[in-house]
Every structure is written in C-alpha cells, then in structure tokens.
C-alpha atoms as a PDB file:
ATOM      1  CA  MET A   1      96.858  89.828  94.381  1.00  0.00           C
ATOM      2  CA  ALA A   2      94.127  92.339  93.532  1.00  0.00           C
ATOM      3  CA  TYR A   3      94.425  96.077  94.155  1.00  0.00           C
ATOM      4  CA  LEU A   4      91.592  96.886  96.579  1.00  0.00           C
ATOM      5  CA  ARG A   5      90.128 100.288  97.469  1.00  0.00           C
ATOM      6  CA  GLU A   6      87.163 100.615  99.798  1.00  0.00           C
ATOM      7  CA  HIS A   7      85.497 104.007 100.211  1.00  0.00           C
ATOM      8  CA  LEU A   8      83.560 105.109 103.298  1.00  0.00           C
ATOM      9  CA  THR A   9      81.650 108.363 103.494  1.00  0.00           C
ATOM     10  CA  PHE A  10      82.031 110.774 106.398  1.00  0.00           C
ATOM     11  CA  ASP A  11      78.978 109.252 108.079  1.00  0.00           C
ATOM     12  CA  GLN A  12      79.866 105.627 107.339  1.00  0.00           C
ATOM     13  CA  ALA A  13      83.349 106.127 108.761  1.00  0.00           C
ATOM     14  CA  GLN A  14      81.918 107.952 111.804  1.00  0.00           C
ATOM     15  CA  VAL A  15      84.625 110.561 111.325  1.00  0.00           C
ATOM     16  CA  THR A  16      85.493 112.758 114.302  1.00  0.00           C
ATOM     17  CA  LEU A  17      87.990 115.609 114.567  1.00  0.00           C
ATOM     18  CA  GLU A  18      90.522 116.196 117.321  1.00  0.00           C
ATOM     19  CA  SER A  19      92.968 119.055 117.796  1.00  0.00           C
ATOM     20  CA  LYS A  20      96.026 119.390 120.017  1.00  0.00           C
ATOM     21  CA  GLY A  21      97.981 122.524 120.786  1.00  0.00           C
ATOM     22  CA  GLU A  22      97.033 126.168 120.501  1.00  0.00           C
ATOM     23  CA  GLY A  23      96.653 128.799 117.794  1.00  0.00           C
ATOM     24  CA  ASP A  24      97.914 128.264 114.265  1.00  0.00           C
ATOM     25  CA  SER A  25     100.394 125.627 115.458  1.00  0.00           C
ATOM     26  CA  LYS A  26      97.810 123.154 116.759  1.00  0.00           C
ATOM     27  CA  ASP A  27      97.658 119.730 115.132  1.00  0.00           C
ATOM     28  CA  LEU A  28      94.450 118.368 113.612  1.00  0.00           C
ATOM     29  CA  TYR A  29      93.551 114.673 113.685  1.00  0.00           C
ATOM     30  CA  LEU A  30      90.893 112.567 111.948  1.00  0.00           C
ATOM     31  CA  LYS A  31      89.528 109.458 113.684  1.00  0.00           C
ATOM     32  CA  GLY A  32      87.095 106.894 112.365  1.00  0.00           C
ATOM     33  CA  ILE A  33      86.429 103.539 110.745  1.00  0.00           C
ATOM     34  CA  CYS A  34      88.966 102.792 108.007  1.00  0.00           C
ATOM     35  CA  ILE A  35      87.739  99.367 106.901  1.00  0.00           C
ATOM     36  CA  GLN A  36      84.564  97.443 107.693  1.00  0.00           C
ATOM     37  CA  GLY A  37      84.615  93.728 108.466  1.00  0.00           C
ATOM     38  CA  GLY A  38      82.017  90.996 108.159  1.00  0.00           C
ATOM     39  CA  VAL A  39      79.604  92.795 105.802  1.00  0.00           C
ATOM     40  CA  LYS A  40      79.222  93.003 102.032  1.00  0.00           C
ATOM     41  CA  ASN A  41      80.298  96.497 101.012  1.00  0.00           C
ATOM     42  CA  ALA A  42      79.423  98.723  98.047  1.00  0.00           C
ATOM     43  CA  ASN A  43      82.016  96.897  95.926  1.00  0.00           C
ATOM     44  CA  GLN A  44      80.293  93.567  96.702  1.00  0.00           C
ATOM     45  CA  ARG A  45      83.298  92.399  98.704  1.00  0.00           C
ATOM     46  CA  ILE A  46      83.337  90.852 102.171  1.00  0.00           C
ATOM     47  CA  TYR A  47      86.318  91.214 104.486  1.00  0.00           C
ATOM     48  CA  PRO A  48      86.230  88.563 107.240  1.00  0.00           C
ATOM     49  CA  VAL A  49      86.830  90.082 110.672  1.00  0.00           C
ATOM     50  CA  SER A  50      89.898  87.871 111.107  1.00  0.00           C
ATOM     51  CA  GLU A  51      91.395  89.313 107.890  1.00  0.00           C
ATOM     52  CA  ILE A  52      90.735  92.865 109.069  1.00  0.00           C
ATOM     53  CA  GLY A  53      92.256  92.077 112.460  1.00  0.00           C
ATOM     54  CA  ASN A  54      95.449  90.666 110.940  1.00  0.00           C
ATOM     55  CA  ALA A  55      95.818  93.576 108.524  1.00  0.00           C
ATOM     56  CA  VAL A  56      95.256  96.159 111.274  1.00  0.00           C
ATOM     57  CA  LYS A  57      97.787  94.447 113.571  1.00  0.00           C
ATOM     58  CA  THR A  58     100.412  94.405 110.809  1.00  0.00           C
ATOM     59  CA  LEU A  59      99.988  98.110 110.107  1.00  0.00           C
ATOM     60  CA  LYS A  60      99.940  98.995 113.817  1.00  0.00           C
ATOM     61  CA  ASP A  61     103.158  97.023 114.343  1.00  0.00           C
ATOM     62  CA  GLN A  62     104.759  99.071 111.557  1.00  0.00           C
ATOM     63  CA  ILE A  63     103.602 102.322 113.158  1.00  0.00           C
ATOM     64  CA  ASP A  64     104.756 101.262 116.638  1.00  0.00           C
ATOM     65  CA  GLY A  65     108.086 100.254 115.113  1.00  0.00           C
ATOM     66  CA  GLY A  66     108.691 103.800 113.875  1.00  0.00           C
ATOM     67  CA  TYR A  67     107.566 103.338 110.262  1.00  0.00           C
ATOM     68  CA  SER A  68     105.791 106.381 108.795  1.00  0.00           C
ATOM     69  CA  VAL A  69     102.517 105.325 107.163  1.00  0.00           C
ATOM     70  CA  LEU A  70     101.516 108.197 104.886  1.00  0.00           C
ATOM     71  CA  GLY A  71      98.202 108.781 103.132  1.00  0.00           C
ATOM     72  CA  GLU A  72      97.115 110.922 100.193  1.00  0.00           C
ATOM     73  CA  VAL A  73      94.222 113.000  98.956  1.00  0.00           C
ATOM     74  CA  ASP A  74      91.905 111.047  96.638  1.00  0.00           C
ATOM     75  CA  HIS A  75      92.337 107.717  94.838  1.00  0.00           C
ATOM     76  CA  PRO A  76      95.773 106.934  93.359  1.00  0.00           C
ATOM     77  CA  ASP A  77      95.872 104.351  90.574  1.00  0.00           C
ATOM     78  CA  ASP A  78      98.235 101.993  92.391  1.00  0.00           C
ATOM     79  CA  LEU A  79      99.679 101.143  95.803  1.00  0.00           C
ATOM     80  CA  LYS A  80     102.524 103.641  95.563  1.00  0.00           C
ATOM     81  CA  VAL A  81     102.416 106.643  97.906  1.00  0.00           C
ATOM     82  CA  ASN A  82     103.142 109.856  95.994  1.00  0.00           C
ATOM     83  CA  LEU A  83     104.930 112.339  98.239  1.00  0.00           C
ATOM     84  CA  ASP A  84     103.546 115.366  96.383  1.00  0.00           C
ATOM     85  CA  ARG A  85     100.011 114.202  97.220  1.00  0.00           C
ATOM     86  CA  VAL A  86     100.568 113.285 100.892  1.00  0.00           C
ATOM     87  CA  SER A  87      98.144 114.977 103.277  1.00  0.00           C
ATOM     88  CA  HIS A  88      98.351 112.972 106.490  1.00  0.00           C
ATOM     89  CA  MET A  89     100.141 110.322 108.525  1.00  0.00           C
ATOM     90  CA  ILE A  90      98.414 107.397 110.236  1.00  0.00           C
ATOM     91  CA  THR A  91      99.447 107.493 113.900  1.00  0.00           C
ATOM     92  CA  ASP A  92      97.404 104.583 115.241  1.00  0.00           C
ATOM     93  CA  MET A  93      95.137 101.711 114.192  1.00  0.00           C
ATOM     94  CA  TRP A  94      93.014  99.379 116.278  1.00  0.00           C
ATOM     95  CA  MET A  95      90.044  97.009 116.171  1.00  0.00           C
ATOM     96  CA  ASP A  96      86.664  97.885 117.654  1.00  0.00           C
ATOM     97  CA  GLY A  97      84.110  95.152 117.068  1.00  0.00           C
ATOM     98  CA  PRO A  98      84.339  93.950 113.446  1.00  0.00           C
ATOM     99  CA  ASN A  99      85.881  97.174 112.116  1.00  0.00           C
ATOM    100  CA  GLY A 100      89.369  98.574 111.794  1.00  0.00           C
ATOM    101  CA  PHE A 101      89.691 102.113 113.148  1.00  0.00           C
ATOM    102  CA  GLY A 102      92.450 104.621 112.537  1.00  0.00           C
ATOM    103  CA  LYS A 103      93.760 107.985 113.709  1.00  0.00           C
ATOM    104  CA  MET A 104      95.339 110.293 111.131  1.00  0.00           C
ATOM    105  CA  LYS A 105      97.409 113.415 111.753  1.00  0.00           C
ATOM    106  CA  ILE A 106      96.950 116.107 109.103  1.00  0.00           C
ATOM    107  CA  LEU A 107     100.414 117.213 107.961  1.00  0.00           C
ATOM    108  CA  PRO A 108     101.507 120.780 107.026  1.00  0.00           C
ATOM    109  CA  THR A 109     102.021 119.809 103.373  1.00  0.00           C
ATOM    110  CA  PRO A 110     100.235 121.590 100.488  1.00  0.00           C
ATOM    111  CA  MET A 111      97.627 118.817 100.326  1.00  0.00           C
ATOM    112  CA  GLY A 112      97.466 118.577 104.122  1.00  0.00           C
ATOM    113  CA  ASN A 113      96.779 122.304 104.386  1.00  0.00           C
ATOM    114  CA  LEU A 114      94.042 121.916 101.785  1.00  0.00           C
ATOM    115  CA  VAL A 115      92.403 119.116 103.795  1.00  0.00           C
ATOM    116  CA  LYS A 116      92.788 121.047 107.067  1.00  0.00           C
ATOM    117  CA  THR A 117      91.186 124.151 105.613  1.00  0.00           C
ATOM    118  CA  MET A 118      88.296 122.119 104.208  1.00  0.00           C
ATOM    119  CA  LEU A 119      87.659 120.388 107.523  1.00  0.00           C
ATOM    120  CA  GLN A 120      87.809 123.638 109.463  1.00  0.00           C
ATOM    121  CA  SER A 121      85.334 125.092 106.967  1.00  0.00           C
ATOM    122  CA  GLY A 122      82.852 122.301 107.652  1.00  0.00           C
ATOM    123  CA  VAL A 123      83.474 120.193 104.534  1.00  0.00           C
ATOM    124  CA  LYS A 124      82.699 116.510 105.200  1.00  0.00           C
ATOM    125  CA  LEU A 125      85.423 114.229 103.880  1.00  0.00           C
ATOM    126  CA  GLY A 126      85.418 110.445 103.737  1.00  0.00           C
ATOM    127  CA  VAL A 127      88.196 107.859 103.891  1.00  0.00           C
ATOM    128  CA  SER A 128      89.330 105.102 101.555  1.00  0.00           C
ATOM    129  CA  SER A 129      91.478 102.128 102.526  1.00  0.00           C
ATOM    130  CA  ARG A 130      94.072 101.089  99.970  1.00  0.00           C
ATOM    131  CA  GLY A 131      95.416  97.563  99.997  1.00  0.00           C
ATOM    132  CA  ALA A 132      95.761  94.185  98.303  1.00  0.00           C
ATOM    133  CA  GLY A 133      94.312  90.716  98.650  1.00  0.00           C
ATOM    134  CA  GLU A 134      92.763  87.731  96.908  1.00  0.00           C
ATOM    135  CA  VAL A 135      89.049  87.973  96.084  1.00  0.00           C
ATOM    136  CA  ASN A 136      86.835  84.892  95.682  1.00  0.00           C
ATOM    137  CA  GLU A 137      84.876  85.655  92.511  1.00  0.00           C
ATOM    138  CA  SER A 138      81.840  83.626  93.534  1.00  0.00           C
ATOM    139  CA  THR A 139      81.444  84.850  97.128  1.00  0.00           C
ATOM    140  CA  GLY A 140      83.291  88.186  97.096  1.00  0.00           C
ATOM    141  CA  GLU A 141      85.238  87.141 100.191  1.00  0.00           C
ATOM    142  CA  VAL A 142      88.717  88.634 100.550  1.00  0.00           C
ATOM    143  CA  ASN A 143      91.679  86.605 101.803  1.00  0.00           C
ATOM    144  CA  GLY A 144      95.307  87.489 102.470  1.00  0.00           C
ATOM    145  CA  PHE A 145      94.320  91.120 102.931  1.00  0.00           C
ATOM    146  CA  GLU A 146      96.986  93.755 103.551  1.00  0.00           C
ATOM    147  CA  ILE A 147      96.291  97.428 104.248  1.00  0.00           C
ATOM    148  CA  ILE A 148      98.863  99.717 102.633  1.00  0.00           C
ATOM    149  CA  THR A 149      97.379 103.031 103.777  1.00  0.00           C
ATOM    150  CA  VAL A 150      94.173 105.008 104.215  1.00  0.00           C
ATOM    151  CA  ASP A 151      93.473 108.033 102.003  1.00  0.00           C
ATOM    152  CA  VAL A 152      91.204 111.054 102.448  1.00  0.00           C
ATOM    153  CA  VAL A 153      88.491 111.356  99.791  1.00  0.00           C
ATOM    154  CA  ALA A 154      85.644 113.686  98.899  1.00  0.00           C
ATOM    155  CA  GLN A 155      82.097 113.062 100.069  1.00  0.00           C
ATOM    156  CA  PRO A 156      79.890 111.650  97.276  1.00  0.00           C
ATOM    157  CA  SER A 157      77.046 113.934  96.227  1.00  0.00           C
ATOM    158  CA  ALA A 158      74.582 111.024  96.300  1.00  0.00           C
ATOM    159  CA  PRO A 159      74.530 107.427  97.613  1.00  0.00           C
ATOM    160  CA  GLY A 160      76.667 105.218  95.389  1.00  0.00           C
ATOM    161  CA  ALA A 161      78.215 108.154  93.548  1.00  0.00           C
ATOM    162  CA  TYR A 162      81.927 108.025  92.853  1.00  0.00           C
ATOM    163  CA  PRO A 163      83.730 110.697  94.871  1.00  0.00           C
ATOM    164  CA  THR A 164      84.819 113.821  92.985  1.00  0.00           C
ATOM    165  CA  PRO A 165      88.629 114.032  93.093  1.00  0.00           C
ATOM    166  CA  ILE A 166      89.446 116.922  95.434  1.00  0.00           C
ATOM    167  CA  TYR A 167      92.823 117.705  93.880  1.00  0.00           C
ATOM    168  CA  GLU A 168      91.663 117.724  90.261  1.00  0.00           C
ATOM    169  CA  HIS A 169      88.518 119.685  91.090  1.00  0.00           C
ATOM    170  CA  PHE A 170      90.573 122.191  93.049  1.00  0.00           C
ATOM    171  CA  MET A 171      93.133 122.496  90.247  1.00  0.00           C
ATOM    172  CA  ASN A 172      90.387 123.113  87.689  1.00  0.00           C
ATOM    173  CA  THR A 173      88.797 125.822  89.816  1.00  0.00           C
ATOM    174  CA  ARG A 174      89.791 129.425  89.142  1.00  0.00           C
ATOM    175  CA  GLY A 175      92.799 130.212  91.296  1.00  0.00           C
ATOM    176  CA  GLY A 176      93.382 126.589  92.254  1.00  0.00           C
ATOM    177  CA  TYR A 177      96.659 126.114  90.402  1.00  0.00           C
ATOM    178  CA  SER A 178      98.075 129.377  91.739  1.00  0.00           C
ATOM    179  CA  ALA A 179      97.158 128.341  95.298  1.00  0.00           C
ATOM    180  CA  ILE A 180      98.898 124.968  94.986  1.00  0.00           C
ATOM    181  CA  ARG A 181     102.019 126.540  93.472  1.00  0.00           C
ATOM    182  CA  ALA A 182     102.091 129.195  96.202  1.00  0.00           C
ATOM    183  CA  ALA A 183     101.696 126.514  98.887  1.00  0.00           C
ATOM    184  CA  HIS A 184     104.924 124.883  97.711  1.00  0.00           C
ATOM    185  CA  GLU A 185     106.792 128.198  97.604  1.00  0.00           C
ATOM    186  CA  VAL A 186     105.814 129.455 101.069  1.00  0.00           C
ATOM    187  CA  SER A 187     105.706 126.169 102.998  1.00  0.00           C
ATOM    188  CA  LYS A 188     108.206 127.507 105.588  1.00  0.00           C
ATOM    189  CA  ASP A 189     106.781 131.022 105.922  1.00  0.00           C
ATOM    190  CA  ALA A 190     104.160 131.140 108.724  1.00  0.00           C
ATOM    191  CA  LYS A 191     102.757 134.563 107.761  1.00  0.00           C
ATOM    192  CA  ALA A 192     102.498 133.616 104.112  1.00  0.00           C
ATOM    193  CA  GLN A 193     100.815 130.332 105.052  1.00  0.00           C
ATOM    194  CA  LYS A 194      98.190 132.252 107.052  1.00  0.00           C
ATOM    195  CA  TYR A 195      97.482 134.514 104.093  1.00  0.00           C
ATOM    196  CA  LEU A 196      97.386 131.517 101.741  1.00  0.00           C
ATOM    197  CA  LYS A 197      94.862 129.791 103.999  1.00  0.00           C
ATOM    198  CA  GLU A 198      92.528 132.768 103.657  1.00  0.00           C
ATOM    199  CA  GLN A 199      92.867 132.680  99.879  1.00  0.00           C
ATOM    200  CA  MET A 200      92.277 128.928  99.765  1.00  0.00           C
ATOM    201  CA  LEU A 201      89.048 129.397 101.706  1.00  0.00           C
ATOM    202  CA  ARG A 202      87.781 131.605  98.902  1.00  0.00           C
ATOM    203  CA  VAL A 203      88.638 128.973  96.307  1.00  0.00           C
ATOM    204  CA  ILE A 204      87.087 126.172  98.382  1.00  0.00           C
ATOM    205  CA  LYS A 205      83.795 128.059  98.568  1.00  0.00           C
ATOM    206  CA  GLY A 206      83.667 127.641  94.804  1.00  0.00           C
ATOM    207  CA  LEU A 207      83.787 123.852  95.205  1.00  0.00           C
ATOM    208  CA  GLN A 208      80.669 123.700  97.374  1.00  0.00           C
END
C-alpha cells in the first residue's frame, strides 16, 4: 500500500466557512471538497469515483459510529495522527457528484486556535487528504483507496508550488515559539486565550 496525500487549494476545494454559536464561544467549521474523483490530479493519479465513494462511506460510518476522526495542520510524514498537531475534527463526509466532501470543526487546541485566527483574518487555507492505496504505475489509477483523515494546509504561492508548512513557518517567525508555548499554558483560561489571539494576529501578519 502506498502512502497517498492529495492537496487542494482553497479555490480547488471550494472551501466555505460556517460558524455556530455566539461571541468567543462560537464554533467554526470548514466545508469543501476533500478528494476529487475521476480526474488526473497534480500528482498524476486518478481516483475512480467508485473508490472515492467507498472510502467516503467507510469514513462516514466511523464518524456516525462515534469514532473521532482528527486532522492536523500541514503534511505529516506518515499516517499517524499527532495529537500535538491536531487542529480539527471531521464531523461529516459525503459524495456530491464525483467528489468527496467533508465538514471539519476547528478545535480549541493550540493548532486549532492558530487555524481559526488565520481564517478569521482572511487567510486562505487549503486541504489535503491523507490515505493509502495501490497505484497502477502505468495509468496512475488508484485502487483499494482508504482515507485516513483530511489535513489543513497552507495556500501555495503559485500554481504547482508546494505549500509552505504553517507550523514551521510560524515557529520560525519572531514570537512564534513563545505564542505556541503560551497557547499550551493558558488553554483553559478564556481571558488569556483572548489576549493570546490578539498577539497571534500580530505574528500572523508577519507570515503574509
């Protein structure tokens, strides 16, 4: 089985934002295409619609059965979900035409707060499906596909460009490390979280 990651930009994924609740306690959701079927993608792979449908149904059954499907910021090197990098939870998946769509709830974790602040500041983020399957080397067709999760990734600066890792870029920015460390320390303090959000906005402006 090959480790497969397929990146979609904000526009390709047709990302939309939803919010529920009021004030600082409202939840933020991302909705959009998570995996495209029936077309050759940027990685020269083709996912038959039937493969996408089966993979989406399997993941939806897990979600409906009470299993928490968590996603991270950026591209991990394997299929393991790292809890310290979790930013969201997939709450639903469905098929619409040839594509698999998903809805993701942004969680109040350090990485989730980073993503939320970016989105509220107008930063366009893409998505990247993470899964496994067998790839036909001659045709690029994928069989036995399984979606493990869908991650949030940075928007490429140009068509075909590899996305800049949000976490590493943020950590290398002045004040980035201090913000991440503070996020862990004040995760249960609402007032401190509000102040931290304001400080993170300043750091994020340096990424743009």
